[in-house]
Amino acid sequence: MYIPDNKKDKIAFDNTLQKLNITKEELKAYVRPDKYEIHRNDKEFLEICEKIRKSFEKCITTDSDVLRGCVSRINLLEVEKIELLSDTTYRYGSFNYKRSNGKSFNWINDFYKRLK
């Protein structure tokens, strides 16, 4: 998933995907070799995958004691620290939890709505 700077950037990226005939299913195949045997390897496709990976730097920050980010693929050589969350007295939060009415927060749509 590409993380745009603003609405204009999102539209430009979506247009680029359309122009290059790159589908979301093809992008999934690139990051899920456990589910897909093959994926595209053409230059334009791999450049888009790299652009998506670089966009993650926009949401992974050390400005807070809570780190949030999207992960499409983890390269073990890039892992700096693994911390197990094992405090049974603490309830760890999530953007994906379901409320009592059965609905969950759609953080992706909320992110796009807040783009200027």
PDB file of N, CA and C in Angstrom:
ATOM      1  N   MET A   1       0.837  -1.174   0.000  1.00  0.00           N
ATOM      2  CA  MET A   1       0.000   0.000   0.000  1.00  0.00           C
ATOM      3  C   MET A   1       0.884   1.240   0.000  1.00  0.00           C
ATOM      4  N   TYR A   2       0.656   2.118  -0.959  1.00  0.00           N
ATOM      5  CA  TYR A   2       1.417   3.350  -1.073  1.00  0.00           C
ATOM      6  C   TYR A   2       0.857   4.389  -0.103  1.00  0.00           C
ATOM      7  N   ILE A   3       1.736   5.105   0.577  1.00  0.00           N
ATOM      8  CA  ILE A   3       1.330   6.155   1.505  1.00  0.00           C
ATOM      9  C   ILE A   3       1.627   7.498   0.847  1.00  0.00           C
ATOM     10  N   PRO A   4       0.575   8.174   0.351  1.00  0.00           N
ATOM     11  CA  PRO A   4       0.780   9.422  -0.388  1.00  0.00           C
ATOM     12  C   PRO A   4       1.039  10.614   0.525  1.00  0.00           C
ATOM     13  N   ASP A   5       1.609  11.682  -0.065  1.00  0.00           N
ATOM     14  CA  ASP A   5       1.841  12.933   0.659  1.00  0.00           C
ATOM     15  C   ASP A   5       0.570  13.755   0.764  1.00  0.00           C
ATOM     16  N   ASN A   6      -0.254  13.688  -0.268  1.00  0.00           N
ATOM     17  CA  ASN A   6      -1.479  14.480  -0.322  1.00  0.00           C
ATOM     18  C   ASN A   6      -2.398  13.854  -1.368  1.00  0.00           C
ATOM     19  N   LYS A   7      -3.579  14.462  -1.562  1.00  0.00           N
ATOM     20  CA  LYS A   7      -4.537  13.890  -2.515  1.00  0.00           C
ATOM     21  C   LYS A   7      -3.985  13.873  -3.933  1.00  0.00           C
ATOM     22  N   LYS A   8      -3.280  14.928  -4.312  1.00  0.00           N
ATOM     23  CA  LYS A   8      -2.709  15.002  -5.654  1.00  0.00           C
ATOM     24  C   LYS A   8      -1.717  13.851  -5.870  1.00  0.00           C
ATOM     25  N   ASP A   9      -0.906  13.554  -4.865  1.00  0.00           N
ATOM     26  CA  ASP A   9       0.059  12.462  -4.932  1.00  0.00           C
ATOM     27  C   ASP A   9      -0.653  11.116  -5.051  1.00  0.00           C
ATOM     28  N   LYS A  10      -1.735  10.925  -4.302  1.00  0.00           N
ATOM     29  CA  LYS A  10      -2.504   9.675  -4.368  1.00  0.00           C
ATOM     30  C   LYS A  10      -3.096   9.484  -5.756  1.00  0.00           C
ATOM     31  N   ILE A  11      -3.675  10.542  -6.309  1.00  0.00           N
ATOM     32  CA  ILE A  11      -4.271  10.461  -7.642  1.00  0.00           C
ATOM     33  C   ILE A  11      -3.195  10.146  -8.686  1.00  0.00           C
ATOM     34  N   ALA A  12      -2.048  10.810  -8.584  1.00  0.00           N
ATOM     35  CA  ALA A  12      -0.953  10.562  -9.530  1.00  0.00           C
ATOM     36  C   ALA A  12      -0.472   9.117  -9.437  1.00  0.00           C
ATOM     37  N   PHE A  13      -0.343   8.597  -8.209  1.00  0.00           N
ATOM     38  CA  PHE A  13       0.110   7.217  -8.033  1.00  0.00           C
ATOM     39  C   PHE A  13      -0.910   6.243  -8.604  1.00  0.00           C
ATOM     40  N   ASP A  14      -2.194   6.456  -8.298  1.00  0.00           N
ATOM     41  CA  ASP A  14      -3.246   5.585  -8.831  1.00  0.00           C
ATOM     42  C   ASP A  14      -3.257   5.617 -10.361  1.00  0.00           C
ATOM     43  N   ASN A  15      -3.055   6.798 -10.940  1.00  0.00           N
ATOM     44  CA  ASN A  15      -2.999   6.923 -12.394  1.00  0.00           C
ATOM     45  C   ASN A  15      -1.800   6.170 -12.977  1.00  0.00           C
ATOM     46  N   THR A  16      -0.679   6.216 -12.271  1.00  0.00           N
ATOM     47  CA  THR A  16       0.511   5.483 -12.720  1.00  0.00           C
ATOM     48  C   THR A  16       0.244   3.980 -12.717  1.00  0.00           C
ATOM     49  N   LEU A  17      -0.400   3.484 -11.653  1.00  0.00           N
ATOM     50  CA  LEU A  17      -0.748   2.055 -11.603  1.00  0.00           C
ATOM     51  C   LEU A  17      -1.629   1.687 -12.788  1.00  0.00           C
ATOM     52  N   GLN A  18      -2.613   2.530 -13.055  1.00  0.00           N
ATOM     53  CA  GLN A  18      -3.531   2.261 -14.167  1.00  0.00           C
ATOM     54  C   GLN A  18      -2.793   2.292 -15.506  1.00  0.00           C
ATOM     55  N   LYS A  19      -1.933   3.292 -15.688  1.00  0.00           N
ATOM     56  CA  LYS A  19      -1.177   3.426 -16.943  1.00  0.00           C
ATOM     57  C   LYS A  19      -0.276   2.214 -17.193  1.00  0.00           C
ATOM     58  N   LEU A  20       0.317   1.694 -16.117  1.00  0.00           N
ATOM     59  CA  LEU A  20       1.229   0.548 -16.239  1.00  0.00           C
ATOM     60  C   LEU A  20       0.504  -0.799 -16.130  1.00  0.00           C
ATOM     61  N   ASN A  21      -0.830  -0.743 -16.013  1.00  0.00           N
ATOM     62  CA  ASN A  21      -1.641  -1.960 -15.877  1.00  0.00           C
ATOM     63  C   ASN A  21      -1.188  -2.819 -14.699  1.00  0.00           C
ATOM     64  N   ILE A  22      -0.943  -2.170 -13.558  1.00  0.00           N
ATOM     65  CA  ILE A  22      -0.553  -2.880 -12.339  1.00  0.00           C
ATOM     66  C   ILE A  22      -1.769  -2.971 -11.433  1.00  0.00           C
ATOM     67  N   THR A  23      -2.144  -4.193 -11.080  1.00  0.00           N
ATOM     68  CA  THR A  23      -3.313  -4.403 -10.234  1.00  0.00           C
ATOM     69  C   THR A  23      -2.891  -4.614  -8.781  1.00  0.00           C
ATOM     70  N   LYS A  24      -3.846  -4.439  -7.886  1.00  0.00           N
ATOM     71  CA  LYS A  24      -3.573  -4.684  -6.467  1.00  0.00           C
ATOM     72  C   LYS A  24      -3.232  -6.157  -6.235  1.00  0.00           C
ATOM     73  N   GLU A  25      -3.829  -7.027  -7.030  1.00  0.00           N
ATOM     74  CA  GLU A  25      -3.542  -8.464  -6.912  1.00  0.00           C
ATOM     75  C   GLU A  25      -2.085  -8.752  -7.278  1.00  0.00           C
ATOM     76  N   GLU A  26      -1.562  -8.076  -8.285  1.00  0.00           N
ATOM     77  CA  GLU A  26      -0.159  -8.249  -8.660  1.00  0.00           C
ATOM     78  C   GLU A  26       0.765  -7.728  -7.569  1.00  0.00           C
ATOM     79  N   LEU A  27       0.385  -6.629  -6.928  1.00  0.00           N
ATOM     80  CA  LEU A  27       1.190  -6.108  -5.828  1.00  0.00           C
ATOM     81  C   LEU A  27       1.173  -7.072  -4.646  1.00  0.00           C
ATOM     82  N   LYS A  28       0.028  -7.701  -4.404  1.00  0.00           N
ATOM     83  CA  LYS A  28      -0.059  -8.704  -3.339  1.00  0.00           C
ATOM     84  C   LYS A  28       0.874  -9.879  -3.639  1.00  0.00           C
ATOM     85  N   ALA A  29       0.907 -10.279  -4.899  1.00  0.00           N
ATOM     86  CA  ALA A  29       1.753 -11.419  -5.286  1.00  0.00           C
ATOM     87  C   ALA A  29       3.222 -11.128  -5.004  1.00  0.00           C
ATOM     88  N   TYR A  30       3.623  -9.873  -5.151  1.00  0.00           N
ATOM     89  CA  TYR A  30       5.016  -9.485  -4.912  1.00  0.00           C
ATOM     90  C   TYR A  30       5.395  -9.659  -3.440  1.00  0.00           C
ATOM     91  N   VAL A  31       4.477  -9.309  -2.534  1.00  0.00           N
ATOM     92  CA  VAL A  31       4.804  -9.356  -1.105  1.00  0.00           C
ATOM     93  C   VAL A  31       4.357 -10.642  -0.421  1.00  0.00           C
ATOM     94  N   ARG A  32       3.644 -11.528  -1.130  1.00  0.00           N
ATOM     95  CA  ARG A  32       3.163 -12.766  -0.525  1.00  0.00           C
ATOM     96  C   ARG A  32       3.605 -13.998  -1.305  1.00  0.00           C
ATOM     97  N   PRO A  33       4.921 -14.276  -1.298  1.00  0.00           N
ATOM     98  CA  PRO A  33       5.391 -15.466  -2.021  1.00  0.00           C
ATOM     99  C   PRO A  33       4.856 -16.762  -1.415  1.00  0.00           C
ATOM    100  N   ASP A  34       4.357 -16.700  -0.177  1.00  0.00           N
ATOM    101  CA  ASP A  34       3.770 -17.891   0.441  1.00  0.00           C
ATOM    102  C   ASP A  34       2.420 -18.246  -0.190  1.00  0.00           C
ATOM    103  N   LYS A  35       1.741 -17.264  -0.803  1.00  0.00           N
ATOM    104  CA  LYS A  35       0.439 -17.512  -1.417  1.00  0.00           C
ATOM    105  C   LYS A  35       0.485 -17.516  -2.946  1.00  0.00           C
ATOM    106  N   TYR A  36       1.468 -16.825  -3.506  1.00  0.00           N
ATOM    107  CA  TYR A  36       1.563 -16.705  -4.956  1.00  0.00           C
ATOM    108  C   TYR A  36       2.913 -17.265  -5.415  1.00  0.00           C
ATOM    109  N   GLU A  37       2.885 -18.120  -6.412  1.00  0.00           N
ATOM    110  CA  GLU A  37       4.117 -18.741  -6.888  1.00  0.00           C
ATOM    111  C   GLU A  37       4.975 -17.784  -7.699  1.00  0.00           C
ATOM    112  N   ILE A  38       4.345 -16.880  -8.433  1.00  0.00           N
ATOM    113  CA  ILE A  38       5.097 -15.962  -9.292  1.00  0.00           C
ATOM    114  C   ILE A  38       4.549 -14.544  -9.153  1.00  0.00           C
ATOM    115  N   HIS A  39       5.343 -13.575  -9.563  1.00  0.00           N
ATOM    116  CA  HIS A  39       4.898 -12.186  -9.631  1.00  0.00           C
ATOM    117  C   HIS A  39       5.627 -11.513 -10.782  1.00  0.00           C
ATOM    118  N   ARG A  40       5.140 -10.346 -11.143  1.00  0.00           N
ATOM    119  CA  ARG A  40       5.767  -9.600 -12.230  1.00  0.00           C
ATOM    120  C   ARG A  40       7.187  -9.204 -11.855  1.00  0.00           C
ATOM    121  N   ASN A  41       8.058  -9.149 -12.842  1.00  0.00           N
ATOM    122  CA  ASN A  41       9.452  -8.761 -12.619  1.00  0.00           C
ATOM    123  C   ASN A  41       9.915  -7.658 -13.556  1.00  0.00           C
ATOM    124  N   ASP A  42       8.969  -7.054 -14.296  1.00  0.00           N
ATOM    125  CA  ASP A  42       9.396  -6.015 -15.232  1.00  0.00           C
ATOM    126  C   ASP A  42       9.870  -4.776 -14.468  1.00  0.00           C
ATOM    127  N   LYS A  43      10.688  -3.983 -15.130  1.00  0.00           N
ATOM    128  CA  LYS A  43      11.341  -2.825 -14.507  1.00  0.00           C
ATOM    129  C   LYS A  43      10.337  -1.854 -13.892  1.00  0.00           C
ATOM    130  N   GLU A  44       9.276  -1.508 -14.636  1.00  0.00           N
ATOM    131  CA  GLU A  44       8.292  -0.552 -14.150  1.00  0.00           C
ATOM    132  C   GLU A  44       7.595  -1.062 -12.886  1.00  0.00           C
ATOM    133  N   PHE A  45       7.260  -2.351 -12.880  1.00  0.00           N
ATOM    134  CA  PHE A  45       6.599  -2.947 -11.717  1.00  0.00           C
ATOM    135  C   PHE A  45       7.509  -2.893 -10.489  1.00  0.00           C
ATOM    136  N   LEU A  46       8.765  -3.284 -10.659  1.00  0.00           N
ATOM    137  CA  LEU A  46       9.698  -3.278  -9.533  1.00  0.00           C
ATOM    138  C   LEU A  46       9.965  -1.856  -9.032  1.00  0.00           C
ATOM    139  N   GLU A  47       9.950  -0.867  -9.931  1.00  0.00           N
ATOM    140  CA  GLU A  47      10.107   0.529  -9.512  1.00  0.00           C
ATOM    141  C   GLU A  47       8.923   0.984  -8.668  1.00  0.00           C
ATOM    142  N   ILE A  48       7.718   0.561  -9.037  1.00  0.00           N
ATOM    143  CA  ILE A  48       6.525   0.892  -8.249  1.00  0.00           C
ATOM    144  C   ILE A  48       6.613   0.237  -6.870  1.00  0.00           C
ATOM    145  N   CYS A  49       7.046  -1.005  -6.811  1.00  0.00           N
ATOM    146  CA  CYS A  49       7.189  -1.700  -5.527  1.00  0.00           C
ATOM    147  C   CYS A  49       8.194  -0.970  -4.629  1.00  0.00           C
ATOM    148  N   GLU A  50       9.269  -0.479  -5.211  1.00  0.00           N
ATOM    149  CA  GLU A  50      10.268   0.264  -4.440  1.00  0.00           C
ATOM    150  C   GLU A  50       9.700   1.607  -3.972  1.00  0.00           C
ATOM    151  N   LYS A  51       8.902   2.253  -4.806  1.00  0.00           N
ATOM    152  CA  LYS A  51       8.274   3.517  -4.410  1.00  0.00           C
ATOM    153  C   LYS A  51       7.327   3.295  -3.228  1.00  0.00           C
ATOM    154  N   ILE A  52       6.585   2.201  -3.254  1.00  0.00           N
ATOM    155  CA  ILE A  52       5.696   1.859  -2.141  1.00  0.00           C
ATOM    156  C   ILE A  52       6.515   1.635  -0.877  1.00  0.00           C
ATOM    157  N   ARG A  53       7.591   0.850  -0.989  1.00  0.00           N
ATOM    158  CA  ARG A  53       8.427   0.563   0.180  1.00  0.00           C
ATOM    159  C   ARG A  53       8.995   1.847   0.773  1.00  0.00           C
ATOM    160  N   LYS A  54       9.470   2.750  -0.068  1.00  0.00           N
ATOM    161  CA  LYS A  54      10.039   4.009   0.420  1.00  0.00           C
ATOM    162  C   LYS A  54       8.984   4.902   1.065  1.00  0.00           C
ATOM    163  N   SER A  55       7.733   4.773   0.628  1.00  0.00           N
ATOM    164  CA  SER A  55       6.676   5.613   1.210  1.00  0.00           C
ATOM    165  C   SER A  55       6.411   5.258   2.673  1.00  0.00           C
ATOM    166  N   PHE A  56       6.806   4.066   3.104  1.00  0.00           N
ATOM    167  CA  PHE A  56       6.594   3.664   4.503  1.00  0.00           C
ATOM    168  C   PHE A  56       7.351   4.563   5.466  1.00  0.00           C
ATOM    169  N   GLU A  57       8.432   5.177   4.996  1.00  0.00           N
ATOM    170  CA  GLU A  57       9.200   6.070   5.855  1.00  0.00           C
ATOM    171  C   GLU A  57       8.350   7.237   6.344  1.00  0.00           C
ATOM    172  N   LYS A  58       7.249   7.522   5.658  1.00  0.00           N
ATOM    173  CA  LYS A  58       6.355   8.611   6.047  1.00  0.00           C
ATOM    174  C   LYS A  58       5.558   8.282   7.307  1.00  0.00           C
ATOM    175  N   CYS A  59       5.366   7.002   7.604  1.00  0.00           N
ATOM    176  CA  CYS A  59       4.518   6.664   8.747  1.00  0.00           C
ATOM    177  C   CYS A  59       5.258   5.962   9.872  1.00  0.00           C
ATOM    178  N   ILE A  60       6.478   5.556   9.659  1.00  0.00           N
ATOM    179  CA  ILE A  60       7.246   4.933  10.735  1.00  0.00           C
ATOM    180  C   ILE A  60       8.140   6.005  11.332  1.00  0.00           C
ATOM    181  N   THR A  61       7.906   6.294  12.575  1.00  0.00           N
ATOM    182  CA  THR A  61       8.571   7.422  13.198  1.00  0.00           C
ATOM    183  C   THR A  61       9.051   7.061  14.594  1.00  0.00           C
ATOM    184  N   THR A  62      10.016   7.789  15.071  1.00  0.00           N
ATOM    185  CA  THR A  62      10.479   7.620  16.455  1.00  0.00           C
ATOM    186  C   THR A  62      10.126   8.849  17.277  1.00  0.00           C
ATOM    187  N   ASP A  63       9.179   9.674  16.777  1.00  0.00           N
ATOM    188  CA  ASP A  63       8.767  10.884  17.487  1.00  0.00           C
ATOM    189  C   ASP A  63       7.949  10.581  18.732  1.00  0.00           C
ATOM    190  N   SER A  64       7.539   9.355  18.916  1.00  0.00           N
ATOM    191  CA  SER A  64       6.674   8.977  20.023  1.00  0.00           C
ATOM    192  C   SER A  64       7.174   7.662  20.605  1.00  0.00           C
ATOM    193  N   ASP A  65       6.661   7.320  21.776  1.00  0.00           N
ATOM    194  CA  ASP A  65       7.011   6.022  22.345  1.00  0.00           C
ATOM    195  C   ASP A  65       6.129   4.919  21.750  1.00  0.00           C
ATOM    196  N   VAL A  66       5.189   5.296  20.895  1.00  0.00           N
ATOM    197  CA  VAL A  66       4.344   4.339  20.197  1.00  0.00           C
ATOM    198  C   VAL A  66       4.703   4.401  18.718  1.00  0.00           C
ATOM    199  N   LEU A  67       5.209   3.310  18.192  1.00  0.00           N
ATOM    200  CA  LEU A  67       5.572   3.259  16.783  1.00  0.00           C
ATOM    201  C   LEU A  67       4.432   2.634  15.996  1.00  0.00           C
ATOM    202  N   ARG A  68       4.059   3.275  14.901  1.00  0.00           N
ATOM    203  CA  ARG A  68       3.017   2.736  14.041  1.00  0.00           C
ATOM    204  C   ARG A  68       3.554   2.678  12.631  1.00  0.00           C
ATOM    205  N   GLY A  69       3.151   1.665  11.925  1.00  0.00           N
ATOM    206  CA  GLY A  69       3.591   1.574  10.543  1.00  0.00           C
ATOM    207  C   GLY A  69       2.898   0.445   9.817  1.00  0.00           C
ATOM    208  N   CYS A  70       3.021   0.470   8.519  1.00  0.00           N
ATOM    209  CA  CYS A  70       2.492  -0.578   7.660  1.00  0.00           C
ATOM    210  C   CYS A  70       3.665  -1.429   7.203  1.00  0.00           C
ATOM    211  N   VAL A  71       3.479  -2.717   7.195  1.00  0.00           N
ATOM    212  CA  VAL A  71       4.563  -3.602   6.795  1.00  0.00           C
ATOM    213  C   VAL A  71       4.091  -4.454   5.637  1.00  0.00           C
ATOM    214  N   SER A  72       4.834  -4.420   4.550  1.00  0.00           N
ATOM    215  CA  SER A  72       4.486  -5.296   3.433  1.00  0.00           C
ATOM    216  C   SER A  72       5.438  -6.487   3.380  1.00  0.00           C
ATOM    217  N   ARG A  73       6.668  -6.270   3.801  1.00  0.00           N
ATOM    218  CA  ARG A  73       7.641  -7.355   3.798  1.00  0.00           C
ATOM    219  C   ARG A  73       8.726  -7.002   4.799  1.00  0.00           C
ATOM    220  N   ILE A  74       9.136  -7.957   5.578  1.00  0.00           N
ATOM    221  CA  ILE A  74      10.194  -7.733   6.558  1.00  0.00           C
ATOM    222  C   ILE A  74      11.439  -8.479   6.098  1.00  0.00           C
ATOM    223  N   ASN A  75      12.530  -7.747   5.972  1.00  0.00           N
ATOM    224  CA  ASN A  75      13.811  -8.343   5.643  1.00  0.00           C
ATOM    225  C   ASN A  75      14.561  -8.500   6.959  1.00  0.00           C
ATOM    226  N   LEU A  76      14.897  -9.706   7.341  1.00  0.00           N
ATOM    227  CA  LEU A  76      15.523  -9.978   8.627  1.00  0.00           C
ATOM    228  C   LEU A  76      16.773  -9.127   8.850  1.00  0.00           C
ATOM    229  N   LEU A  77      17.512  -8.821   7.791  1.00  0.00           N
ATOM    230  CA  LEU A  77      18.718  -8.003   7.931  1.00  0.00           C
ATOM    231  C   LEU A  77      18.400  -6.563   8.341  1.00  0.00           C
ATOM    232  N   GLU A  78      17.155  -6.113   8.109  1.00  0.00           N
ATOM    233  CA  GLU A  78      16.763  -4.754   8.458  1.00  0.00           C
ATOM    234  C   GLU A  78      16.170  -4.647   9.865  1.00  0.00           C
ATOM    235  N   VAL A  79      15.922  -5.781  10.515  1.00  0.00           N
ATOM    236  CA  VAL A  79      15.338  -5.774  11.858  1.00  0.00           C
ATOM    237  C   VAL A  79      16.404  -5.357  12.860  1.00  0.00           C
ATOM    238  N   GLU A  80      16.095  -4.314  13.626  1.00  0.00           N
ATOM    239  CA  GLU A  80      17.023  -3.816  14.638  1.00  0.00           C
ATOM    240  C   GLU A  80      16.718  -4.388  16.011  1.00  0.00           C
ATOM    241  N   LYS A  81      15.438  -4.582  16.312  1.00  0.00           N
ATOM    242  CA  LYS A  81      15.065  -5.031  17.640  1.00  0.00           C
ATOM    243  C   LYS A  81      13.709  -5.722  17.577  1.00  0.00           C
ATOM    244  N   ILE A  82      13.562  -6.813  18.317  1.00  0.00           N
ATOM    245  CA  ILE A  82      12.285  -7.503  18.447  1.00  0.00           C
ATOM    246  C   ILE A  82      11.917  -7.467  19.919  1.00  0.00           C
ATOM    247  N   GLU A  83      10.745  -6.946  20.192  1.00  0.00           N
ATOM    248  CA  GLU A  83      10.297  -6.837  21.575  1.00  0.00           C
ATOM    249  C   GLU A  83       8.994  -7.617  21.728  1.00  0.00           C
ATOM    250  N   LEU A  84       8.951  -8.563  22.646  1.00  0.00           N
ATOM    251  CA  LEU A  84       7.746  -9.334  22.899  1.00  0.00           C
ATOM    252  C   LEU A  84       6.862  -8.585  23.885  1.00  0.00           C
ATOM    253  N   LEU A  85       5.598  -8.421  23.527  1.00  0.00           N
ATOM    254  CA  LEU A  85       4.635  -7.748  24.403  1.00  0.00           C
ATOM    255  C   LEU A  85       3.943  -8.825  25.234  1.00  0.00           C
ATOM    256  N   SER A  86       4.380  -8.983  26.459  1.00  0.00           N
ATOM    257  CA  SER A  86       3.897 -10.114  27.244  1.00  0.00           C
ATOM    258  C   SER A  86       3.280  -9.733  28.585  1.00  0.00           C
ATOM    259  N   ASP A  87       3.029  -8.451  28.816  1.00  0.00           N
ATOM    260  CA  ASP A  87       2.426  -8.015  30.076  1.00  0.00           C
ATOM    261  C   ASP A  87       0.946  -8.381  30.061  1.00  0.00           C
ATOM    262  N   THR A  88       0.566  -9.421  30.799  1.00  0.00           N
ATOM    263  CA  THR A  88      -0.818  -9.895  30.786  1.00  0.00           C
ATOM    264  C   THR A  88      -1.775  -8.957  31.508  1.00  0.00           C
ATOM    265  N   THR A  89      -1.246  -7.996  32.266  1.00  0.00           N
ATOM    266  CA  THR A  89      -2.115  -7.044  32.970  1.00  0.00           C
ATOM    267  C   THR A  89      -2.446  -5.828  32.106  1.00  0.00           C
ATOM    268  N   TYR A  90      -1.818  -5.718  30.933  1.00  0.00           N
ATOM    269  CA  TYR A  90      -2.025  -4.569  30.055  1.00  0.00           C
ATOM    270  C   TYR A  90      -2.755  -5.006  28.789  1.00  0.00           C
ATOM    271  N   ARG A  91      -3.741  -4.231  28.370  1.00  0.00           N
ATOM    272  CA  ARG A  91      -4.466  -4.545  27.137  1.00  0.00           C
ATOM    273  C   ARG A  91      -3.878  -3.718  26.003  1.00  0.00           C
ATOM    274  N   TYR A  92      -3.235  -4.382  25.064  1.00  0.00           N
ATOM    275  CA  TYR A  92      -2.613  -3.707  23.938  1.00  0.00           C
ATOM    276  C   TYR A  92      -3.687  -3.271  22.953  1.00  0.00           C
ATOM    277  N   GLY A  93      -3.575  -2.053  22.438  1.00  0.00           N
ATOM    278  CA  GLY A  93      -4.582  -1.497  21.543  1.00  0.00           C
ATOM    279  C   GLY A  93      -4.333  -1.849  20.093  1.00  0.00           C
ATOM    280  N   SER A  94      -5.341  -1.565  19.285  1.00  0.00           N
ATOM    281  CA  SER A  94      -5.242  -1.822  17.856  1.00  0.00           C
ATOM    282  C   SER A  94      -6.240  -0.939  17.122  1.00  0.00           C
ATOM    283  N   PHE A  95      -5.849  -0.485  15.942  1.00  0.00           N
ATOM    284  CA  PHE A  95      -6.792   0.253  15.103  1.00  0.00           C
ATOM    285  C   PHE A  95      -7.853  -0.678  14.536  1.00  0.00           C
ATOM    286  N   ASN A  96      -7.628  -1.977  14.608  1.00  0.00           N
ATOM    287  CA  ASN A  96      -8.522  -2.929  13.958  1.00  0.00           C
ATOM    288  C   ASN A  96      -9.529  -3.583  14.905  1.00  0.00           C
ATOM    289  N   TYR A  97      -9.597  -3.137  16.153  1.00  0.00           N
ATOM    290  CA  TYR A  97     -10.511  -3.776  17.084  1.00  0.00           C
ATOM    291  C   TYR A  97     -11.962  -3.473  16.701  1.00  0.00           C
ATOM    292  N   LYS A  98     -12.877  -4.362  17.117  1.00  0.00           N
ATOM    293  CA  LYS A  98     -14.297  -4.169  16.842  1.00  0.00           C
ATOM    294  C   LYS A  98     -14.958  -3.546  18.066  1.00  0.00           C
ATOM    295  N   ARG A  99     -15.817  -2.577  17.801  1.00  0.00           N
ATOM    296  CA  ARG A  99     -16.560  -1.912  18.872  1.00  0.00           C
ATOM    297  C   ARG A  99     -17.757  -2.772  19.276  1.00  0.00           C
ATOM    298  N   SER A 100     -18.442  -2.355  20.322  1.00  0.00           N
ATOM    299  CA  SER A 100     -19.586  -3.125  20.813  1.00  0.00           C
ATOM    300  C   SER A 100     -20.695  -3.227  19.770  1.00  0.00           C
ATOM    301  N   ASN A 101     -20.776  -2.266  18.833  1.00  0.00           N
ATOM    302  CA  ASN A 101     -21.797  -2.322  17.782  1.00  0.00           C
ATOM    303  C   ASN A 101     -21.351  -3.186  16.595  1.00  0.00           C
ATOM    304  N   GLY A 102     -20.182  -3.811  16.690  1.00  0.00           N
ATOM    305  CA  GLY A 102     -19.694  -4.703  15.652  1.00  0.00           C
ATOM    306  C   GLY A 102     -18.886  -4.016  14.560  1.00  0.00           C
ATOM    307  N   LYS A 103     -18.791  -2.684  14.606  1.00  0.00           N
ATOM    308  CA  LYS A 103     -18.047  -1.951  13.589  1.00  0.00           C
ATOM    309  C   LYS A 103     -16.608  -1.747  14.035  1.00  0.00           C
ATOM    310  N   SER A 104     -15.724  -1.603  13.051  1.00  0.00           N
ATOM    311  CA  SER A 104     -14.335  -1.307  13.368  1.00  0.00           C
ATOM    312  C   SER A 104     -13.926  -0.034  12.643  1.00  0.00           C
ATOM    313  N   PHE A 105     -12.898   0.612  13.130  1.00  0.00           N
ATOM    314  CA  PHE A 105     -12.385   1.859  12.563  1.00  0.00           C
ATOM    315  C   PHE A 105     -11.702   1.559  11.244  1.00  0.00           C
ATOM    316  N   ASN A 106     -12.101   2.243  10.185  1.00  0.00           N
ATOM    317  CA  ASN A 106     -11.470   2.052   8.878  1.00  0.00           C
ATOM    318  C   ASN A 106     -10.380   3.107   8.733  1.00  0.00           C
ATOM    319  N   TRP A 107      -9.196   2.813   9.247  1.00  0.00           N
ATOM    320  CA  TRP A 107      -8.120   3.798   9.288  1.00  0.00           C
ATOM    321  C   TRP A 107      -7.595   4.152   7.906  1.00  0.00           C
ATOM    322  N   ILE A 108      -7.730   3.270   6.936  1.00  0.00           N
ATOM    323  CA  ILE A 108      -7.272   3.565   5.578  1.00  0.00           C
ATOM    324  C   ILE A 108      -8.147   4.660   4.966  1.00  0.00           C
ATOM    325  N   ASN A 109      -9.470   4.484   5.019  1.00  0.00           N
ATOM    326  CA  ASN A 109     -10.363   5.503   4.472  1.00  0.00           C
ATOM    327  C   ASN A 109     -10.226   6.821   5.233  1.00  0.00           C
ATOM    328  N   ASP A 110     -10.060   6.745   6.547  1.00  0.00           N
ATOM    329  CA  ASP A 110      -9.900   7.962   7.342  1.00  0.00           C
ATOM    330  C   ASP A 110      -8.625   8.705   6.929  1.00  0.00           C
ATOM    331  N   PHE A 111      -7.554   7.965   6.680  1.00  0.00           N
ATOM    332  CA  PHE A 111      -6.299   8.584   6.238  1.00  0.00           C
ATOM    333  C   PHE A 111      -6.504   9.328   4.925  1.00  0.00           C
ATOM    334  N   TYR A 112      -7.169   8.687   3.954  1.00  0.00           N
ATOM    335  CA  TYR A 112      -7.383   9.334   2.657  1.00  0.00           C
ATOM    336  C   TYR A 112      -8.288  10.551   2.775  1.00  0.00           C
ATOM    337  N   LYS A 113      -9.303  10.492   3.644  1.00  0.00           N
ATOM    338  CA  LYS A 113     -10.194  11.635   3.829  1.00  0.00           C
ATOM    339  C   LYS A 113      -9.458  12.843   4.389  1.00  0.00           C
ATOM    340  N   ARG A 114      -8.449  12.608   5.213  1.00  0.00           N
ATOM    341  CA  ARG A 114      -7.733  13.697   5.850  1.00  0.00           C
ATOM    342  C   ARG A 114      -6.628  14.293   4.973  1.00  0.00           C
ATOM    343  N   LEU A 115      -6.341  13.663   3.837  1.00  0.00           N
ATOM    344  CA  LEU A 115      -5.332  14.222   2.928  1.00  0.00           C
ATOM    345  C   LEU A 115      -5.822  15.549   2.369  1.00  0.00           C
ATOM    346  N   LYS A 116      -4.910  16.485   2.179  1.00  0.00           N
ATOM    347  CA  LYS A 116      -5.267  17.793   1.620  1.00  0.00           C
ATOM    348  C   LYS A 116      -4.741  17.936   0.211  1.00  0.00           C
TER     349      LYS A 116
END
